[in-house]
Amino acid sequence: MTALQAISEPRRQRIVQLVWDRERTAGDVARHFDVTFGAVSQHLKVLTDAGVLVQRREGRQRWYLTNKKALGPLAKALETMWSDRLADLKALAEAEERSETQKHRRRNAPDRQGGV
């Protein structure tokens, strides 16, 4: 399986993102999903076998990190895609915050129709 085929599955994409800049244990990765540890373990194996992740053992734990070199130009594309998504999410959150602030101000504004 090629690296591109391996990361075509959404959960695998999320795994790659989780271990992009920080090494994590298999258990830590699994906590981010609503599937069994065994299912996540299979995804980790596919990604490792495809060279997308590097794995190291420390005692009984396995630690994973994205192998960006193995992804070649795809690494930059993924990084751009994720940063674009984060920028979009930030913009949405800021717009929602502005909207809530405006609603709050309108509710708490003095009644100007009653006069003195």
Protein backbone atom coordinates (compact mmCIF):
# COMPACT_ATOMS: atom_id res chain seq x y z
CA MET A 1 0.00 0.00 0.00
CA THR A 2 1.32 3.45 -0.89
CA ALA A 3 1.42 6.34 1.54
CA LEU A 4 -1.38 8.05 -0.37
CA GLN A 5 -3.57 4.95 -0.17
CA ALA A 6 -2.83 4.60 3.53
CA ILE A 7 -3.90 8.14 4.39
CA SER A 8 -6.98 8.07 2.19
CA GLU A 9 -9.06 6.74 5.09
CA PRO A 10 -10.38 9.56 7.39
CA ARG A 11 -9.35 7.96 10.69
CA ARG A 12 -5.85 7.41 9.38
CA GLN A 13 -5.69 11.05 8.33
CA ARG A 14 -6.63 12.03 11.87
CA ILE A 15 -3.97 9.70 13.29
CA VAL A 16 -1.32 11.26 11.06
CA GLN A 17 -2.43 14.69 12.22
CA LEU A 18 -2.29 13.64 15.89
CA VAL A 19 1.31 12.48 15.60
CA TRP A 20 2.42 15.15 13.11
CA ASP A 21 4.57 17.20 15.50
CA ARG A 22 4.45 15.14 18.66
CA GLU A 23 5.20 11.53 19.38
CA ARG A 24 2.28 9.73 21.04
CA THR A 25 1.63 6.29 22.42
CA ALA A 26 -0.84 3.97 20.77
CA GLY A 27 -3.11 4.34 23.80
CA ASP A 28 -3.01 8.12 23.59
CA VAL A 29 -3.91 7.99 19.90
CA ALA A 30 -6.74 5.54 20.60
CA ARG A 31 -8.31 7.88 23.17
CA HIS A 32 -9.13 10.31 20.35
CA PHE A 33 -11.46 7.85 18.62
CA ASP A 34 -14.82 6.24 19.30
CA VAL A 35 -13.67 2.81 18.08
CA THR A 36 -11.88 -0.02 19.86
CA PHE A 37 -8.18 0.05 20.62
CA GLY A 38 -7.84 -2.92 18.26
CA ALA A 39 -9.31 -0.93 15.38
CA VAL A 40 -6.93 1.98 16.02
CA SER A 41 -4.05 -0.48 16.31
CA GLN A 42 -4.87 -1.83 12.85
CA HIS A 43 -4.85 1.69 11.44
CA LEU A 44 -1.48 2.34 13.11
CA LYS A 45 -0.12 -0.85 11.52
CA VAL A 46 -1.31 0.14 8.04
CA LEU A 47 0.27 3.57 8.40
CA THR A 48 3.52 2.12 9.76
CA ASP A 49 3.72 -0.55 7.05
CA ALA A 50 3.21 2.16 4.41
CA GLY A 51 6.06 4.17 5.93
CA VAL A 52 3.80 7.05 6.92
CA LEU A 53 4.54 6.59 10.63
CA VAL A 54 7.67 5.59 12.47
CA GLN A 55 7.28 3.48 15.56
CA ARG A 56 9.56 2.99 18.51
CA ARG A 57 9.15 0.72 21.48
CA GLU A 58 9.78 1.74 25.02
CA GLY A 59 9.04 -1.11 27.37
CA ARG A 60 5.52 -2.28 26.57
CA GLN A 61 4.50 0.97 24.92
CA ARG A 62 4.73 1.84 21.26
CA TRP A 63 5.29 5.44 20.32
CA TYR A 64 4.32 6.84 16.91
CA LEU A 65 5.40 9.89 14.93
CA THR A 66 4.65 10.94 11.36
CA ASN A 67 7.47 10.25 8.94
CA LYS A 68 7.24 13.50 6.96
CA LYS A 69 10.16 12.58 4.73
CA ALA A 70 8.32 9.49 3.53
CA LEU A 71 5.36 11.65 2.55
CA GLY A 72 7.51 13.86 0.31
CA PRO A 73 5.52 16.70 -1.28
CA LEU A 74 2.35 15.27 0.20
CA ALA A 75 3.54 16.44 3.65
CA LYS A 76 3.38 20.09 2.64
CA ALA A 77 -0.08 19.58 1.09
CA LEU A 78 -1.39 17.99 4.29
CA GLU A 79 0.09 20.72 6.45
CA THR A 80 -1.51 23.38 4.24
CA MET A 81 -4.86 21.60 4.29
CA TRP A 82 -4.85 21.34 8.07
CA SER A 83 -3.77 24.94 8.60
CA ASP A 84 -6.50 26.11 6.18
CA ARG A 85 -9.08 24.15 8.15
CA LEU A 86 -7.83 25.64 11.41
CA ALA A 87 -7.98 29.13 9.91
CA ASP A 88 -11.55 28.49 8.76
CA LEU A 89 -12.50 27.18 12.18
CA LYS A 90 -10.93 30.22 13.85
CA ALA A 91 -12.84 32.59 11.55
CA LEU A 92 -16.12 30.80 12.32
CA ALA A 93 -15.48 30.94 16.06
CA GLU A 94 -14.64 34.63 15.91
CA ALA A 95 -17.78 35.39 13.86
CA GLU A 96 -19.91 33.48 16.36
CA GLU A 97 -18.30 35.36 19.24
CA ARG A 98 -19.01 38.72 17.56
CA SER A 99 -22.61 37.68 16.96
CA GLU A 100 -23.09 36.66 20.60
CA THR A 101 -21.53 39.93 21.79
CA GLN A 102 -23.89 41.93 19.61
CA LYS A 103 -26.92 39.98 20.88
CA HIS A 104 -25.81 40.57 24.46
CA ARG A 105 -25.42 44.31 23.85
CA ARG A 106 -28.87 44.56 22.28
CA ARG A 107 -30.49 42.72 25.19
CA ASN A 108 -28.76 44.91 27.75
CA ALA A 109 -29.17 48.25 25.94
CA PRO A 110 -31.42 50.79 27.67
CA ASP A 111 -34.89 51.12 26.22
CA ARG A 112 -34.73 54.21 24.02
CA GLN A 113 -38.40 54.28 23.02
CA GLY A 114 -39.86 55.16 26.40
CA GLY A 115 -38.39 58.68 26.60
CA VAL A 116 -38.20 60.79 29.75
